[in-house]
Every structure is written in structure tokens, then in C-alpha cells.
């Protein structure tokens, strides 16, 4: 098949969950199909950094999108019926580039990666009637709904900034629900990463043709054996640190869970690794109990050296590639039930430990700090589950089946 994949940001180097998904699916498809990737890139350096992707498939780039100020985003929140996500990558330059690409070559499949690129995917309907596919990374309206309810509760509790954020998320939740309901039913196929997202979006758009193609992990690269970096009581979180659900997770763990752990283990440290840390995240760094490392070249040594890998998610949807990577590395994991959403077959006490509230989460982390043998047993079964069910090599055929 000839496949045109539309990416909202450079798939390489993969610096976030969306880019990881796009890169690995592109790699898998390119082994058996003719793939062209049309991607936004923020600058010339990012275009040059895509060179390894050119060894896998054909690559075309569009510079942008231009940054949108908070004032402009606030204005469009008030005046535009479309959600912010639909406006983020909307540029005339990309529309022109896509039109030229579609006019120059006949594609069998046009694959829009994420809701941000849905508008471009729909443009392809007028060019030879290809199969148009939307890869819906998350049930986006659900993320905003969860964020709105969380922030509004905190705002009513006396935090004015949280109240403002809650009002913003409330507006975006309503807009996203209307936009997703309308768009999903137009695409020939809609890919979702989990059964939970499939059920959620089916209620929103009953006529959408939904197919589960889960997130995965490179179990060869993320394998035990990396030289560890860290201390014997380190509690590690890795993520993109300007993403709202991740910010909430870090702040909740630092404020609500870590003090409960340190009451019994005062030597415990919370290590935060990831790019684009916001001021709210950086302000937690105190050099002793909380260390905000920031972006690193390779997270594997940190995961290998951690006593506990924590996934304290309270907001979100889809599935967490960071959880898949940690399990593939045989790390001892403590996770909220929401953090484990979208990963089928995970069982509390067999592959990882779960905690739904601060007391339960802290108790689970203390179990692993005090019993390293338990962590090793959980890590071994967690890795086996990833190898059997979540290696990218098993997921690419599921994507091809969805196309068919």
C-alpha cells in the first residue's frame, strides 16, 4: 500500500508518547509498504534531526506551526467554536503542502496522527478517494473533563488559579466533545489505543468505525541490563513535564504521597526526569527529598536504578508509554488505577502494585522499598507481559488489519 502519514510534530527524535507511537508505527509499516510522512517541524534544526527517519520512509516537512500566545488562545476559547486542539496546527502552509502532495501521488491510505491533524486528513477526501484514517491517541474530551472536575474542586477549595484553569478546561471539554463527535463519524477508520477509549468514543460517536491498535514498546531496547543510575531509595517518575496530566501527577505525588512515605522512610527521594519542566514542576526541587533532573539523553539508567517507578496519574486517557517502558525494563512499579488504564491484563500484585489514594499509594511504595525481592518478582512478570502482548512488532499487524 501507499500510505501518507500526517504528523503534528517530528516523529524523530521521539520525545513524547505521541512521537513514539508515530515513529514506531511508521517503522513497522515501512517494512512492507511505501510510506510518506508529512510532518510539522518547529525549525530547521528539527528538520535536519529527521535524517534517520529518511532511511525508513519518504519525508516531507512543513515549518511550524507558529506559536500561539496565551492571549490569543484565551481569545479563541471565547470566540471560536472549535477546541484549541483543532486550531493548534491549522496553517495555510500545511494545507498547501498537503494539497501538492496529494495531487502529485495517489495514496491508498491517508493516516492523520492525532486529533490535531484531523482537519488535514479530511482534506484527502477529494483526492482519489483514499482510505482516510484518524489515529485518536486519547479520548481528548475525557482528559479535559477530568482536568476540569479536578481543577474546579481545588478552585472551590480556595485556589483561584485552579478555578481559572478549571473554567478553561470546562469550555474545552464541551468544545472537544462536540468536535470529536462530529469528526470521528466522518473518517473511514478511527484508531484508538485501548478498549476503554473505544467504549468512551463509541458513546460519543456511535457511528464511528473504531479499531483498537494499542501503544507498544521496543522490548529489545527497553530490556534489563542497563547500568543503573540512582540511589537505593529513589522513587522515579519520567514524563513530558509540560503536559497537564503529568504536572498534576508530579504535584499530587510530591504533596500528598511522598510525605507519607518519608514518615516511615525519611531516606526516600522523589526523582523527576523529563523535558520541558514547567515552573510549577521546577519549584518542587529542593536538592534533597525531591530532585527535578529535567531532560536526559536516555531514561533507561534512571529506571534501572530506581527502587520504585511511580505512575501517580489522576487525569488522562489513552495509555501511558512510560508505563510500558518501565514494565519492559522489569522495574518495580506502583500505579494508580487510572495510570494503568489502557494496558490490558495488568493485575495488582502480579505485574505491579496499585494505589488509588495517597495512603494506598504510599503503602504500596513502602512495600517495594522494604522488600526488593518482591520488586524483582513483579518486574519479571511485568516484562514478560510486555514481551508477549505489547512489543511493537505485534502491534503493526493490528494496524494493517484495521486498514484492511
Protein backbone atom coordinates (compact mmCIF):
# COMPACT_ATOMS: atom_id res chain seq x y z
CA UNK A 1 0.00 0.00 0.00
CA UNK A 2 0.98 3.62 -0.47
CA UNK A 3 0.41 5.36 2.84
CA UNK A 4 0.60 9.08 3.64
CA UNK A 5 1.07 9.70 7.36
CA UNK A 6 0.37 13.20 8.69
CA UNK A 7 2.29 14.07 11.87
CA UNK A 8 1.69 17.15 14.08
CA UNK A 9 5.35 17.18 15.23
CA UNK A 10 8.62 15.47 14.30
CA UNK A 11 8.41 11.73 14.98
CA UNK A 12 12.18 11.63 15.46
CA UNK A 13 13.83 12.04 17.85
CA UNK A 14 10.80 10.72 19.75
CA UNK A 15 10.49 12.97 22.79
CA UNK A 16 6.97 12.16 23.87
CA UNK A 17 4.34 9.48 23.76
CA UNK A 18 2.74 10.68 20.52
CA UNK A 19 6.05 10.87 18.68
CA UNK A 20 7.00 7.40 19.93
CA UNK A 21 3.76 5.98 18.58
CA UNK A 22 4.12 7.69 15.21
CA UNK A 23 7.77 6.66 14.82
CA UNK A 24 7.24 3.02 15.72
CA UNK A 25 4.12 2.59 13.60
CA UNK A 26 5.90 4.27 10.67
CA UNK A 27 8.87 1.95 11.12
CA UNK A 28 6.65 -1.12 11.20
CA UNK A 29 4.60 -0.07 8.18
CA UNK A 30 7.67 0.85 6.12
CA UNK A 31 8.92 -2.73 6.27
CA UNK A 32 6.08 -3.79 3.95
CA UNK A 33 4.56 -0.63 2.47
CA UNK A 34 5.52 2.59 0.71
CA UNK A 35 5.18 5.27 3.42
CA UNK A 36 5.45 9.04 3.10
CA UNK A 37 5.48 11.10 6.30
CA UNK A 38 4.40 14.74 6.08
CA UNK A 39 5.36 16.35 9.36
CA UNK A 40 5.42 19.72 11.02
CA UNK A 41 8.85 20.75 12.30
CA UNK A 42 9.42 23.79 14.54
CA UNK A 43 12.71 24.90 12.93
CA UNK A 44 15.48 23.98 10.50
CA UNK A 45 17.36 22.06 13.20
CA UNK A 46 14.34 19.82 13.74
CA UNK A 47 14.16 19.17 10.00
CA UNK A 48 17.82 18.10 9.99
CA UNK A 49 17.25 15.86 13.03
CA UNK A 50 14.71 13.87 11.00
CA UNK A 51 17.54 12.37 8.91
CA UNK A 52 17.25 8.85 10.45
CA UNK A 53 13.55 8.79 9.53
CA UNK A 54 14.53 9.37 5.89
CA UNK A 55 16.27 5.99 5.95
CA UNK A 56 12.91 4.40 6.77
CA UNK A 57 10.42 6.28 4.60
CA UNK A 58 9.94 9.35 2.42
CA UNK A 59 9.78 12.53 4.49
CA UNK A 60 8.29 15.94 3.73
CA UNK A 61 8.26 18.77 6.26
CA UNK A 62 6.39 21.99 6.94
CA UNK A 63 7.93 24.60 9.24
CA UNK A 64 5.61 25.46 12.10
CA UNK A 65 3.10 25.77 13.45
CA UNK A 66 3.76 29.30 14.69
CA UNK A 67 3.49 29.72 18.46
CA UNK A 68 0.15 30.88 19.81
CA UNK A 69 0.24 33.26 22.77
CA UNK A 70 -1.84 32.72 25.87
CA UNK A 71 -3.79 35.85 24.98
CA UNK A 72 -4.65 34.50 21.54
CA UNK A 73 -5.61 31.10 22.95
CA UNK A 74 -7.83 32.81 25.53
CA UNK A 75 -9.47 34.88 22.79
CA UNK A 76 -10.21 31.86 20.59
CA UNK A 77 -11.52 30.00 23.64
CA UNK A 78 -14.13 32.72 23.94
CA UNK A 79 -14.86 33.36 20.27
CA UNK A 80 -14.16 30.22 18.22
CA UNK A 81 -16.44 27.17 18.32
CA UNK A 82 -13.51 24.85 17.63
CA UNK A 83 -11.43 23.44 20.50
CA UNK A 84 -7.88 24.63 20.98
CA UNK A 85 -6.56 21.26 19.78
CA UNK A 86 -8.18 21.73 16.37
CA UNK A 87 -6.61 25.18 15.97
CA UNK A 88 -3.10 24.32 17.16
CA UNK A 89 -1.74 23.08 13.81
CA UNK A 90 -4.07 24.87 11.42
CA UNK A 91 -1.89 26.72 8.87
CA UNK A 92 -2.30 27.66 5.23
CA UNK A 93 1.29 26.50 4.57
CA UNK A 94 0.46 22.94 5.61
CA UNK A 95 -2.79 22.93 3.66
CA UNK A 96 -0.85 23.94 0.53
CA UNK A 97 1.86 21.34 1.13
CA UNK A 98 -0.72 18.61 1.65
CA UNK A 99 -2.64 19.60 -1.48
CA UNK A 100 0.55 19.43 -3.55
CA UNK A 101 1.47 16.03 -2.08
CA UNK A 102 -1.99 14.57 -2.72
CA UNK A 103 -2.06 15.95 -6.27
CA UNK A 104 1.38 14.54 -7.07
CA UNK A 105 0.80 10.96 -5.89
CA UNK A 106 -2.12 8.57 -5.49
CA UNK A 107 -2.29 7.17 -1.94
CA UNK A 108 -4.24 4.16 -0.75
CA UNK A 109 -4.34 5.37 2.87
CA UNK A 110 -4.09 8.84 4.42
CA UNK A 111 -3.38 8.43 8.14
CA UNK A 112 -3.85 11.51 10.35
CA UNK A 113 -1.87 11.07 13.55
CA UNK A 114 -3.86 12.62 16.42
CA UNK A 115 -6.92 14.84 16.54
CA UNK A 116 -4.68 17.85 15.81
CA UNK A 117 -4.33 16.60 12.22
CA UNK A 118 -7.96 15.56 11.69
CA UNK A 119 -8.75 18.57 9.50
CA UNK A 120 -5.87 17.71 7.17
CA UNK A 121 -6.94 14.08 7.00
CA UNK A 122 -10.40 15.13 5.86
CA UNK A 123 -8.84 17.22 3.06
CA UNK A 124 -7.77 13.96 1.39
CA UNK A 125 -11.35 13.00 0.53
CA UNK A 126 -11.17 14.99 -2.70
CA UNK A 127 -8.01 13.30 -4.00
CA UNK A 128 -8.71 9.85 -5.44
CA UNK A 129 -10.85 8.59 -2.57
CA UNK A 130 -8.13 7.07 -0.37
CA UNK A 131 -8.98 5.35 2.89
CA UNK A 132 -8.86 8.14 5.47
CA UNK A 133 -7.79 7.08 8.96
CA UNK A 134 -7.62 9.05 12.21
CA UNK A 135 -5.29 7.81 14.94
CA UNK A 136 -7.01 9.06 18.08
CA UNK A 137 -4.24 8.99 20.71
CA UNK A 138 -6.68 9.78 23.53
CA UNK A 139 -10.34 10.38 24.16
CA UNK A 140 -9.45 14.08 24.28
CA UNK A 141 -12.73 15.35 25.69
CA UNK A 142 -12.39 12.89 28.58
CA UNK A 143 -8.97 14.32 29.52
CA UNK A 144 -10.40 17.83 29.63
CA UNK A 145 -13.42 16.63 31.59
CA UNK A 146 -11.21 15.03 34.23
CA UNK A 147 -8.97 18.11 34.35
CA UNK A 148 -11.97 20.43 34.68
CA UNK A 149 -13.50 18.48 37.55
CA UNK A 150 -10.17 18.22 39.38
CA UNK A 151 -9.34 21.92 38.99
CA UNK A 152 -12.82 23.13 39.83
CA UNK A 153 -12.77 21.14 43.06
CA UNK A 154 -9.46 22.73 44.02
CA UNK A 155 -10.69 26.15 42.94
CA UNK A 156 -13.81 25.88 45.07
CA UNK A 157 -11.50 24.81 47.89
CA UNK A 158 -9.74 28.17 47.79
CA UNK A 159 -7.20 28.05 44.93
CA UNK A 160 -8.12 30.85 42.49
CA UNK A 161 -5.62 29.79 39.79
CA UNK A 162 -7.05 26.27 39.82
CA UNK A 163 -10.53 27.74 39.40
CA UNK A 164 -9.40 29.65 36.30
CA UNK A 165 -7.80 26.52 34.85
CA UNK A 166 -10.97 24.58 35.62
CA UNK A 167 -13.14 27.07 33.72
CA UNK A 168 -10.79 26.82 30.72
CA UNK A 169 -10.95 23.00 30.79
CA UNK A 170 -14.72 23.11 31.17
CA UNK A 171 -15.03 25.15 27.97
CA UNK A 172 -12.55 22.93 26.11
CA UNK A 173 -14.32 19.79 27.34
CA UNK A 174 -17.61 20.95 25.79
CA UNK A 175 -15.95 22.01 22.54
CA UNK A 176 -13.95 18.80 22.24
CA UNK A 177 -16.98 16.61 22.87
CA UNK A 178 -18.85 18.34 20.02
CA UNK A 179 -15.82 18.30 17.69
CA UNK A 180 -14.90 14.67 18.32
CA UNK A 181 -18.50 13.54 17.94
CA UNK A 182 -18.66 15.24 14.54
CA UNK A 183 -15.22 14.30 13.19
CA UNK A 184 -15.00 10.67 14.26
CA UNK A 185 -18.01 9.66 12.23
CA UNK A 186 -16.54 11.08 9.01
CA UNK A 187 -13.29 9.07 8.90
CA UNK A 188 -13.36 5.60 7.33
CA UNK A 189 -11.40 4.22 10.30
CA UNK A 190 -10.63 5.61 13.74
CA UNK A 191 -7.80 4.02 15.69
CA UNK A 192 -7.87 4.03 19.50
CA UNK A 193 -5.24 2.76 21.92
CA UNK A 194 -7.45 0.86 24.35
CA UNK A 195 -10.81 -0.79 24.86
CA UNK A 196 -11.61 1.91 27.43
CA UNK A 197 -11.13 4.65 24.83
CA UNK A 198 -13.10 2.64 22.26
CA UNK A 199 -16.09 2.40 24.61
CA UNK A 200 -15.81 6.07 25.59
CA UNK A 201 -15.70 7.32 21.99
CA UNK A 202 -18.40 4.89 20.85
CA UNK A 203 -20.79 6.55 23.28
CA UNK A 204 -19.81 9.95 21.92
CA UNK A 205 -19.95 8.96 18.22
CA UNK A 206 -21.98 5.75 17.79
CA UNK A 207 -21.38 5.54 14.02
CA UNK A 208 -17.58 5.82 14.21
CA UNK A 209 -15.66 2.82 12.83
CA UNK A 210 -13.37 2.25 15.82
CA UNK A 211 -10.41 -0.16 15.91
CA UNK A 212 -8.10 -0.81 18.88
CA UNK A 213 -4.41 -0.52 17.96
CA UNK A 214 -2.63 -0.27 21.31
CA UNK A 215 0.52 1.56 22.22
CA UNK A 216 3.64 -0.55 22.44
CA UNK A 217 7.26 -0.68 23.49
CA UNK A 218 10.55 -1.71 21.90
CA UNK A 219 11.26 -4.63 24.23
CA UNK A 220 14.74 -5.10 22.76
CA UNK A 221 15.81 -1.55 23.56
CA UNK A 222 13.93 -1.42 26.85
CA UNK A 223 15.39 -4.58 28.33
CA UNK A 224 17.01 -5.25 31.72
CA UNK A 225 20.76 -4.92 31.86
CA UNK A 226 21.28 -1.15 31.57
CA UNK A 227 23.84 0.16 34.07
CA UNK A 228 21.77 1.70 36.90
CA UNK A 229 21.91 5.35 37.90
CA UNK A 230 20.40 6.42 41.20
CA UNK A 231 20.07 5.53 44.85
CA UNK A 232 18.54 2.54 46.65
CA UNK A 233 15.54 4.55 47.87
CA UNK A 234 14.76 6.52 44.71
CA UNK A 235 11.12 6.86 43.62
CA UNK A 236 11.19 7.76 39.92
CA UNK A 237 8.72 9.46 37.59
CA UNK A 238 9.55 10.09 33.91
CA UNK A 239 7.36 12.08 31.53
CA UNK A 240 6.97 15.16 29.37
CA UNK A 241 6.69 17.78 32.09
CA UNK A 242 4.60 20.45 30.38
CA UNK A 243 1.67 18.07 29.81
CA UNK A 244 -1.11 18.87 32.24
CA UNK A 245 -1.89 15.32 33.45
CA UNK A 246 1.82 14.78 34.16
CA UNK A 247 2.11 18.08 36.04
CA UNK A 248 -0.87 17.08 38.17
CA UNK A 249 0.71 13.66 38.84
CA UNK A 250 4.02 15.18 40.00
CA UNK A 251 2.38 17.76 42.26
CA UNK A 252 -0.03 15.22 43.77
CA UNK A 253 2.71 12.71 44.49
CA UNK A 254 5.08 15.33 45.93
CA UNK A 255 2.42 16.92 48.12
CA UNK A 256 0.19 14.02 49.14
CA UNK A 257 2.11 10.75 48.79
CA UNK A 258 5.78 11.48 49.40
CA UNK A 259 5.30 12.87 52.95
CA UNK A 260 3.50 9.63 53.91
CA UNK A 261 6.39 7.58 52.53
CA UNK A 262 9.06 9.67 54.25
CA UNK A 263 7.27 9.38 57.58
CA UNK A 264 8.43 5.74 57.54
CA UNK A 265 11.43 6.05 55.23
CA UNK A 266 12.99 9.51 55.63
CA UNK A 267 15.73 8.48 53.22
CA UNK A 268 13.30 8.17 50.29
CA UNK A 269 13.82 10.57 47.38
CA UNK A 270 11.43 11.55 44.57
CA UNK A 271 13.31 11.85 41.24
CA UNK A 272 11.55 13.60 38.34
CA UNK A 273 13.01 13.15 34.85
CA UNK A 274 11.66 14.67 31.65
CA UNK A 275 11.77 17.53 29.23
CA UNK A 276 10.03 20.93 29.29
CA UNK A 277 9.50 21.13 33.05
CA UNK A 278 7.13 23.97 33.90
CA UNK A 279 7.82 26.43 36.74
CA UNK A 280 5.30 24.52 38.88
CA UNK A 281 7.37 21.37 38.49
CA UNK A 282 10.80 23.04 38.81
CA UNK A 283 9.70 24.76 42.03
CA UNK A 284 9.37 21.36 43.74
CA UNK A 285 13.10 20.74 43.50
CA UNK A 286 14.77 21.04 46.92
CA UNK A 287 18.00 19.13 46.33
CA UNK A 288 17.25 16.50 48.96
CA UNK A 289 13.85 14.81 49.06
CA UNK A 290 12.77 15.99 45.58
CA UNK A 291 15.19 16.14 42.66
CA UNK A 292 13.92 17.56 39.35
CA UNK A 293 16.52 16.34 36.87
CA UNK A 294 14.89 17.62 33.70
CA UNK A 295 15.57 16.23 30.23
CA UNK A 296 18.14 13.45 29.81
CA UNK A 297 19.52 11.70 26.75
CA UNK A 298 18.44 8.25 27.96
CA UNK A 299 15.93 7.45 30.73
CA UNK A 300 16.88 3.77 30.94
CA UNK A 301 19.69 4.14 33.53
CA UNK A 302 17.34 6.10 35.82
CA UNK A 303 14.63 3.45 35.53
CA UNK A 304 17.18 0.68 36.09
CA UNK A 305 18.45 2.38 39.24
CA UNK A 306 15.10 3.26 40.80
CA UNK A 307 13.79 1.32 43.78
CA UNK A 308 10.24 2.15 42.66
CA UNK A 309 8.89 3.54 39.41
CA UNK A 310 5.75 5.56 40.16
CA UNK A 311 2.83 6.38 37.83
CA UNK A 312 0.64 8.66 40.00
CA UNK A 313 -1.77 9.69 37.23
CA UNK A 314 -5.14 11.17 38.20
CA UNK A 315 -6.03 12.80 34.85
CA UNK A 316 -5.68 11.43 31.37
CA UNK A 317 -6.81 8.87 28.85
CA UNK A 318 -5.30 6.52 26.30
CA UNK A 319 -2.39 4.51 27.67
CA UNK A 320 0.98 5.51 29.12
CA UNK A 321 4.02 4.63 27.07
CA UNK A 322 6.18 5.44 30.10
CA UNK A 323 4.44 2.63 31.99
CA UNK A 324 5.07 0.19 29.13
CA UNK A 325 8.75 1.17 29.07
CA UNK A 326 9.14 0.76 32.83
CA UNK A 327 7.47 -2.65 32.79
CA UNK A 328 9.61 -3.73 29.83
CA UNK A 329 12.70 -2.78 31.86
CA UNK A 330 11.40 -5.04 34.68
CA UNK A 331 11.07 -2.07 37.04
CA UNK A 332 9.06 -2.39 40.28
CA UNK A 333 6.01 -0.23 39.54
CA UNK A 334 3.38 1.45 41.69
CA UNK A 335 0.49 2.92 39.73
CA UNK A 336 -2.91 4.49 40.24
CA UNK A 337 -5.78 2.59 38.60
CA UNK A 338 -6.10 5.46 36.12
CA UNK A 339 -2.39 5.23 35.35
CA UNK A 340 -2.85 1.60 34.30
CA UNK A 341 -5.83 2.33 32.05
CA UNK A 342 -5.43 1.07 28.52
CA UNK A 343 -2.96 -1.72 29.31
CA UNK A 344 -4.93 -4.94 29.21
CA UNK A 345 -4.12 -7.83 31.50
CA UNK A 346 -2.22 -5.97 34.22
CA UNK A 347 -3.01 -7.38 37.65
CA UNK A 348 -2.34 -5.78 41.01
CA UNK A 349 0.11 -7.93 42.94
CA UNK A 350 1.25 -9.87 39.87
CA UNK A 351 2.75 -7.33 37.46
CA UNK A 352 2.77 -4.20 39.63
CA UNK A 353 1.16 -2.70 42.73
CA UNK A 354 -1.72 -0.22 42.64
CA UNK A 355 -2.86 2.53 44.96
CA UNK A 356 -5.95 4.61 44.34
CA UNK A 357 -5.42 7.22 47.08
CA UNK A 358 -2.44 8.74 48.91
CA UNK A 359 -2.47 6.22 51.77
CA UNK A 360 -2.74 3.19 49.48
CA UNK A 361 -0.15 4.52 47.04
CA UNK A 362 2.32 5.27 49.84
CA UNK A 363 1.75 1.84 51.40
CA UNK A 364 2.45 0.12 48.07
CA UNK A 365 5.64 2.12 47.54
CA UNK A 366 6.81 1.27 51.08
CA UNK A 367 6.22 -2.43 50.40
CA UNK A 368 8.63 -2.26 47.49
CA UNK A 369 11.18 -0.13 49.32
CA UNK A 370 11.20 -2.64 52.19
CA UNK A 371 11.05 -5.79 50.06
CA UNK A 372 13.33 -5.61 46.98
CA UNK A 373 12.69 -9.30 46.26
CA UNK A 374 9.01 -8.51 45.72
CA UNK A 375 10.01 -5.79 43.27
CA UNK A 376 12.16 -8.22 41.32
CA UNK A 377 9.32 -10.74 41.07
CA UNK A 378 6.85 -8.11 39.90
CA UNK A 379 9.40 -6.76 37.44
CA UNK A 380 9.96 -10.17 35.87
CA UNK A 381 6.25 -10.83 35.32
CA UNK A 382 5.68 -7.26 34.12
CA UNK A 383 8.39 -7.62 31.48
CA UNK A 384 7.06 -10.99 30.35
CA UNK A 385 3.64 -9.39 29.83
CA UNK A 386 5.15 -6.62 27.69
CA UNK A 387 7.13 -9.05 25.54
CA UNK A 388 4.08 -11.24 24.95
CA UNK A 389 1.48 -8.56 24.27
CA UNK A 390 2.93 -5.07 23.78
CA UNK A 391 6.00 -5.31 21.57
CA UNK A 392 5.61 -3.00 18.56
CA UNK A 393 6.25 -5.98 16.27
CA UNK A 394 2.94 -7.50 17.40
CA UNK A 395 1.08 -4.19 17.01
CA UNK A 396 1.92 -3.27 13.40
CA UNK A 397 -0.13 -6.23 12.06
CA UNK A 398 -3.08 -4.95 14.08
CA UNK A 399 -2.77 -1.60 12.32
CA UNK A 400 -2.61 -3.33 8.91
CA UNK A 401 -5.73 -5.31 9.83
CA UNK A 402 -7.52 -2.06 10.72
CA UNK A 403 -6.60 -0.63 7.31
CA UNK A 404 -7.89 -3.76 5.59
